[in-house]
PDB file of all heavy atoms in Angstrom:
ATOM      1  N   SER A   1     202.230 290.055  36.603  1.00  0.00           N
ATOM      2  CA  SER A   1     202.193 290.528  37.983  1.00  0.00           C
ATOM      3  C   SER A   1     203.479 291.259  38.355  1.00  0.00           C
ATOM      4  O   SER A   1     204.512 291.038  37.743  1.00  0.00           O
ATOM      5  CB  SER A   1     202.025 289.326  38.930  1.00  0.00           C
ATOM      6  OG  SER A   1     203.173 288.496  38.881  1.00  0.00           O
ATOM      7  N   PHE A   2     203.336 292.182  39.298  1.00  0.00           N
ATOM      8  CA  PHE A   2     204.521 292.840  39.887  1.00  0.00           C
ATOM      9  C   PHE A   2     204.646 292.287  41.263  1.00  0.00           C
ATOM     10  O   PHE A   2     203.647 292.187  42.104  1.00  0.00           O
ATOM     11  CB  PHE A   2     204.220 294.346  39.964  1.00  0.00           C
ATOM     12  CG  PHE A   2     204.590 295.101  38.714  1.00  0.00           C
ATOM     13  CD1 PHE A   2     204.839 294.533  37.561  1.00  0.00           C
ATOM     14  CD2 PHE A   2     204.756 296.507  38.862  1.00  0.00           C
ATOM     15  CE1 PHE A   2     205.168 295.252  36.425  1.00  0.00           C
ATOM     16  CE2 PHE A   2     205.122 297.231  37.729  1.00  0.00           C
ATOM     17  CZ  PHE A   2     205.374 296.553  36.508  1.00  0.00           C
ATOM     18  N   ASP A   3     205.778 291.879  41.684  1.00  0.00           N
ATOM     19  CA  ASP A   3     206.099 291.511  43.074  1.00  0.00           C
ATOM     20  C   ASP A   3     205.829 292.730  44.007  1.00  0.00           C
ATOM     21  O   ASP A   3     205.995 293.847  43.558  1.00  0.00           O
ATOM     22  CB  ASP A   3     207.532 290.989  43.140  1.00  0.00           C
ATOM     23  CG  ASP A   3     207.861 290.524  44.551  1.00  0.00           C
ATOM     24  OD1 ASP A   3     208.171 291.397  45.325  1.00  0.00           O
ATOM     25  OD2 ASP A   3     207.896 289.334  44.734  1.00  0.00           O
ATOM     26  N   LYS A   4     205.441 292.509  45.233  1.00  0.00           N
ATOM     27  CA  LYS A   4     205.200 293.655  46.141  1.00  0.00           C
ATOM     28  C   LYS A   4     206.422 294.500  46.322  1.00  0.00           C
ATOM     29  O   LYS A   4     206.337 295.687  46.515  1.00  0.00           O
ATOM     30  CB  LYS A   4     204.627 293.175  47.425  1.00  0.00           C
ATOM     31  CG  LYS A   4     205.664 292.420  48.334  1.00  0.00           C
ATOM     32  CD  LYS A   4     204.977 292.023  49.632  1.00  0.00           C
ATOM     33  CE  LYS A   4     205.925 291.180  50.435  1.00  0.00           C
ATOM     34  NZ  LYS A   4     206.991 292.003  51.044  1.00  0.00           N
ATOM     35  N   ASP A   5     207.603 294.012  46.155  1.00  0.00           N
ATOM     36  CA  ASP A   5     208.823 294.687  46.268  1.00  0.00           C
ATOM     37  C   ASP A   5     209.311 295.255  44.899  1.00  0.00           C
ATOM     38  O   ASP A   5     210.331 296.047  44.854  1.00  0.00           O
ATOM     39  CB  ASP A   5     209.928 293.786  46.836  1.00  0.00           C
ATOM     40  CG  ASP A   5     209.643 293.349  48.233  1.00  0.00           C
ATOM     41  OD1 ASP A   5     208.989 294.214  49.013  1.00  0.00           O
ATOM     42  OD2 ASP A   5     209.934 292.205  48.558  1.00  0.00           O
ATOM     43  N   ASP A   6     208.628 294.919  43.812  1.00  0.00           N
ATOM     44  CA  ASP A   6     208.972 295.360  42.506  1.00  0.00           C
ATOM     45  C   ASP A   6     208.203 296.617  42.154  1.00  0.00           C
ATOM     46  O   ASP A   6     207.140 296.588  41.611  1.00  0.00           O
ATOM     47  CB  ASP A   6     208.592 294.221  41.512  1.00  0.00           C
ATOM     48  CG  ASP A   6     209.175 294.396  40.184  1.00  0.00           C
ATOM     49  OD1 ASP A   6     210.095 295.283  39.970  1.00  0.00           O
ATOM     50  OD2 ASP A   6     208.732 293.781  39.212  1.00  0.00           O
ATOM     51  N   VAL A   7     208.750 297.746  42.685  1.00  0.00           N
ATOM     52  CA  VAL A   7     207.986 298.972  42.449  1.00  0.00           C
ATOM     53  C   VAL A   7     208.887 300.007  41.768  1.00  0.00           C
ATOM     54  O   VAL A   7     210.131 299.965  41.738  1.00  0.00           O
ATOM     55  CB  VAL A   7     207.611 299.508  43.863  1.00  0.00           C
ATOM     56  CG1 VAL A   7     206.617 298.616  44.560  1.00  0.00           C
ATOM     57  CG2 VAL A   7     208.864 299.788  44.793  1.00  0.00           C
ATOM     58  N   PHE A   8     208.256 301.151  41.325  1.00  0.00           N
ATOM     59  CA  PHE A   8     209.017 302.244  40.727  1.00  0.00           C
ATOM     60  C   PHE A   8     209.587 303.018  41.891  1.00  0.00           C
ATOM     61  O   PHE A   8     209.040 303.290  42.963  1.00  0.00           O
ATOM     62  CB  PHE A   8     208.089 303.134  39.943  1.00  0.00           C
ATOM     63  CG  PHE A   8     207.653 302.487  38.705  1.00  0.00           C
ATOM     64  CD1 PHE A   8     206.253 302.191  38.502  1.00  0.00           C
ATOM     65  CD2 PHE A   8     208.451 302.143  37.651  1.00  0.00           C
ATOM     66  CE1 PHE A   8     205.795 301.630  37.321  1.00  0.00           C
ATOM     67  CE2 PHE A   8     208.030 301.535  36.525  1.00  0.00           C
ATOM     68  CZ  PHE A   8     206.757 301.267  36.316  1.00  0.00           C
ATOM     69  N   VAL A   9     210.941 303.396  41.720  1.00  0.00           N
ATOM     70  CA  VAL A   9     211.593 304.125  42.752  1.00  0.00           C
ATOM     71  C   VAL A   9     212.087 305.558  42.257  1.00  0.00           C
ATOM     72  O   VAL A   9     212.505 306.383  43.066  1.00  0.00           O
ATOM     73  CB  VAL A   9     212.824 303.386  43.288  1.00  0.00           C
ATOM     74  CG1 VAL A   9     212.346 302.153  43.942  1.00  0.00           C
ATOM     75  CG2 VAL A   9     213.833 303.015  42.159  1.00  0.00           C
ATOM     76  N   SER A  10     211.979 305.830  41.015  1.00  0.00           N
ATOM     77  CA  SER A  10     212.405 307.107  40.545  1.00  0.00           C
ATOM     78  C   SER A  10     211.662 307.442  39.206  1.00  0.00           C
ATOM     79  O   SER A  10     211.337 306.430  38.453  1.00  0.00           O
ATOM     80  CB  SER A  10     213.898 307.163  40.163  1.00  0.00           C
ATOM     81  OG  SER A  10     214.355 308.442  39.771  1.00  0.00           O
ATOM     82  N   THR A  11     211.390 308.667  38.819  1.00  0.00           N
ATOM     83  CA  THR A  11     210.720 309.024  37.545  1.00  0.00           C
ATOM     84  C   THR A  11     211.405 310.228  36.980  1.00  0.00           C
ATOM     85  O   THR A  11     212.122 310.993  37.680  1.00  0.00           O
ATOM     86  CB  THR A  11     209.263 309.376  37.767  1.00  0.00           C
ATOM     87  OG1 THR A  11     209.171 310.499  38.649  1.00  0.00           O
ATOM     88  CG2 THR A  11     208.496 308.218  38.268  1.00  0.00           C
ATOM     89  N   THR A  12     211.237 310.401  35.678  1.00  0.00           N
ATOM     90  CA  THR A  12     211.717 311.627  34.992  1.00  0.00           C
ATOM     91  C   THR A  12     210.842 311.748  33.677  1.00  0.00           C
ATOM     92  O   THR A  12     210.201 310.785  33.301  1.00  0.00           O
ATOM     93  CB  THR A  12     213.234 311.565  34.637  1.00  0.00           C
ATOM     94  OG1 THR A  12     213.643 312.858  34.169  1.00  0.00           O
ATOM     95  CG2 THR A  12     213.567 310.454  33.627  1.00  0.00           C
ATOM     96  N   VAL A  13     210.932 312.855  33.069  1.00  0.00           N
ATOM     97  CA  VAL A  13     210.207 313.085  31.793  1.00  0.00           C
ATOM     98  C   VAL A  13     211.090 313.803  30.804  1.00  0.00           C
ATOM     99  O   VAL A  13     211.992 314.560  31.210  1.00  0.00           O
ATOM    100  CB  VAL A  13     208.892 313.830  32.029  1.00  0.00           C
ATOM    101  CG1 VAL A  13     207.917 313.106  32.912  1.00  0.00           C
ATOM    102  CG2 VAL A  13     209.209 315.237  32.597  1.00  0.00           C
ATOM    103  N   GLY A  14     210.776 313.512  29.597  1.00  0.00           N
ATOM    104  CA  GLY A  14     211.368 314.243  28.430  1.00  0.00           C
ATOM    105  C   GLY A  14     210.335 315.191  27.866  1.00  0.00           C
ATOM    106  O   GLY A  14     209.319 315.506  28.427  1.00  0.00           O
ATOM    107  N   TYR A  15     210.559 315.589  26.643  1.00  0.00           N
ATOM    108  CA  TYR A  15     209.690 316.563  26.007  1.00  0.00           C
ATOM    109  C   TYR A  15     208.258 315.930  25.856  1.00  0.00           C
ATOM    110  O   TYR A  15     207.320 316.570  26.195  1.00  0.00           O
ATOM    111  CB  TYR A  15     210.256 316.936  24.557  1.00  0.00           C
ATOM    112  CG  TYR A  15     209.343 317.724  23.719  1.00  0.00           C
ATOM    113  CD1 TYR A  15     209.255 319.121  24.062  1.00  0.00           C
ATOM    114  CD2 TYR A  15     208.544 317.256  22.720  1.00  0.00           C
ATOM    115  CE1 TYR A  15     208.424 319.951  23.302  1.00  0.00           C
ATOM    116  CE2 TYR A  15     207.717 318.033  22.005  1.00  0.00           C
ATOM    117  CZ  TYR A  15     207.644 319.422  22.265  1.00  0.00           C
ATOM    118  OH  TYR A  15     206.840 320.201  21.579  1.00  0.00           O
ATOM    119  N   ASP A  16     208.223 314.691  25.294  1.00  0.00           N
ATOM    120  CA  ASP A  16     206.831 314.162  25.210  1.00  0.00           C
ATOM    121  C   ASP A  16     206.886 312.642  25.552  1.00  0.00           C
ATOM    122  O   ASP A  16     206.142 311.847  25.108  1.00  0.00           O
ATOM    123  CB  ASP A  16     206.285 314.312  23.808  1.00  0.00           C
ATOM    124  CG  ASP A  16     207.126 313.683  22.717  1.00  0.00           C
ATOM    125  OD1 ASP A  16     208.135 313.041  22.978  1.00  0.00           O
ATOM    126  OD2 ASP A  16     206.723 313.719  21.488  1.00  0.00           O
ATOM    127  N   HIS A  17     207.802 312.316  26.496  1.00  0.00           N
ATOM    128  CA  HIS A  17     207.829 310.842  26.950  1.00  0.00           C
ATOM    129  C   HIS A  17     208.230 310.890  28.448  1.00  0.00           C
ATOM    130  O   HIS A  17     208.683 311.867  29.000  1.00  0.00           O
ATOM    131  CB  HIS A  17     208.775 309.992  26.183  1.00  0.00           C
ATOM    132  CG  HIS A  17     210.175 310.419  26.312  1.00  0.00           C
ATOM    133  ND1 HIS A  17     210.734 311.508  25.688  1.00  0.00           N
ATOM    134  CD2 HIS A  17     211.223 309.828  26.968  1.00  0.00           C
ATOM    135  CE1 HIS A  17     212.039 311.649  26.045  1.00  0.00           C
ATOM    136  NE2 HIS A  17     212.381 310.648  26.789  1.00  0.00           N
ATOM    137  N   SER A  18     207.945 309.767  29.053  1.00  0.00           N
ATOM    138  CA  SER A  18     208.203 309.569  30.513  1.00  0.00           C
ATOM    139  C   SER A  18     209.000 308.369  30.711  1.00  0.00           C
ATOM    140  O   SER A  18     209.009 307.422  29.930  1.00  0.00           O
ATOM    141  CB  SER A  18     206.889 309.540  31.287  1.00  0.00           C
ATOM    142  OG  SER A  18     205.991 310.635  30.987  1.00  0.00           O
ATOM    143  N   ALA A  19     209.737 308.361  31.894  1.00  0.00           N
ATOM    144  CA  ALA A  19     210.515 307.162  32.242  1.00  0.00           C
ATOM    145  C   ALA A  19     210.453 306.869  33.702  1.00  0.00           C
ATOM    146  O   ALA A  19     210.251 307.880  34.475  1.00  0.00           O
ATOM    147  CB  ALA A  19     212.014 307.413  31.783  1.00  0.00           C
ATOM    148  N   ALA A  20     210.578 305.650  34.099  1.00  0.00           N
ATOM    149  CA  ALA A  20     210.679 305.262  35.544  1.00  0.00           C
ATOM    150  C   ALA A  20     211.702 304.161  35.744  1.00  0.00           C
ATOM    151  O   ALA A  20     211.899 303.350  34.929  1.00  0.00           O
ATOM    152  CB  ALA A  20     209.221 304.819  36.019  1.00  0.00           C
ATOM    153  N   LEU A  21     212.292 304.213  36.948  1.00  0.00           N
ATOM    154  CA  LEU A  21     213.229 303.196  37.347  1.00  0.00           C
ATOM    155  C   LEU A  21     212.596 302.308  38.307  1.00  0.00           C
ATOM    156  O   LEU A  21     212.013 302.853  39.311  1.00  0.00           O
ATOM    157  CB  LEU A  21     214.546 303.923  37.924  1.00  0.00           C
ATOM    158  CG  LEU A  21     215.519 302.962  38.485  1.00  0.00           C
ATOM    159  CD1 LEU A  21     216.319 302.168  37.355  1.00  0.00           C
ATOM    160  CD2 LEU A  21     216.556 303.745  39.312  1.00  0.00           C
ATOM    161  N   LYS A  22     212.657 301.007  38.084  1.00  0.00           N
ATOM    162  CA  LYS A  22     212.068 300.088  39.087  1.00  0.00           C
ATOM    163  C   LYS A  22     213.091 299.644  40.096  1.00  0.00           C
ATOM    164  O   LYS A  22     214.284 299.749  39.888  1.00  0.00           O
ATOM    165  CB  LYS A  22     211.466 298.895  38.425  1.00  0.00           C
ATOM    166  CG  LYS A  22     210.097 299.207  37.747  1.00  0.00           C
ATOM    167  CD  LYS A  22     209.519 298.104  36.980  1.00  0.00           C
ATOM    168  CE  LYS A  22     209.557 296.698  37.621  1.00  0.00           C
ATOM    169  NZ  LYS A  22     209.030 295.691  36.778  1.00  0.00           N
ATOM    170  N   SER A  23     212.619 299.194  41.284  1.00  0.00           N
ATOM    171  CA  SER A  23     213.500 298.745  42.315  1.00  0.00           C
ATOM    172  C   SER A  23     214.475 297.645  41.912  1.00  0.00           C
ATOM    173  O   SER A  23     215.519 297.499  42.544  1.00  0.00           O
ATOM    174  CB  SER A  23     212.761 298.323  43.547  1.00  0.00           C
ATOM    175  OG  SER A  23     211.863 297.276  43.259  1.00  0.00           O
ATOM    176  N   ASP A  24     214.165 296.890  40.907  1.00  0.00           N
ATOM    177  CA  ASP A  24     215.018 295.870  40.400  1.00  0.00           C
ATOM    178  C   ASP A  24     216.101 296.358  39.422  1.00  0.00           C
ATOM    179  O   ASP A  24     216.914 295.607  38.871  1.00  0.00           O
ATOM    180  CB  ASP A  24     214.250 294.680  39.752  1.00  0.00           C
ATOM    181  CG  ASP A  24     213.471 295.132  38.489  1.00  0.00           C
ATOM    182  OD1 ASP A  24     213.640 296.313  38.033  1.00  0.00           O
ATOM    183  OD2 ASP A  24     212.827 294.275  37.911  1.00  0.00           O
ATOM    184  N   GLY A  25     216.105 297.707  39.278  1.00  0.00           N
ATOM    185  CA  GLY A  25     217.123 298.310  38.386  1.00  0.00           C
ATOM    186  C   GLY A  25     216.716 298.438  36.947  1.00  0.00           C
ATOM    187  O   GLY A  25     217.579 298.950  36.149  1.00  0.00           O
ATOM    188  N   THR A  26     215.617 297.960  36.515  1.00  0.00           N
ATOM    189  CA  THR A  26     215.187 298.013  35.151  1.00  0.00           C
ATOM    190  C   THR A  26     214.574 299.391  34.892  1.00  0.00           C
ATOM    191  O   THR A  26     214.063 300.089  35.749  1.00  0.00           O
ATOM    192  CB  THR A  26     214.142 296.926  34.756  1.00  0.00           C
ATOM    193  OG1 THR A  26     213.045 297.060  35.588  1.00  0.00           O
ATOM    194  CG2 THR A  26     214.807 295.565  34.880  1.00  0.00           C
TER     195      THR A  26
END
């Protein structure tokens, strides 16, 4: 489960992969 406050806050992409930062800093 994801806590309601545990959300993605930023995204970025590379050549063929993607990344996201969650609100908890992970």
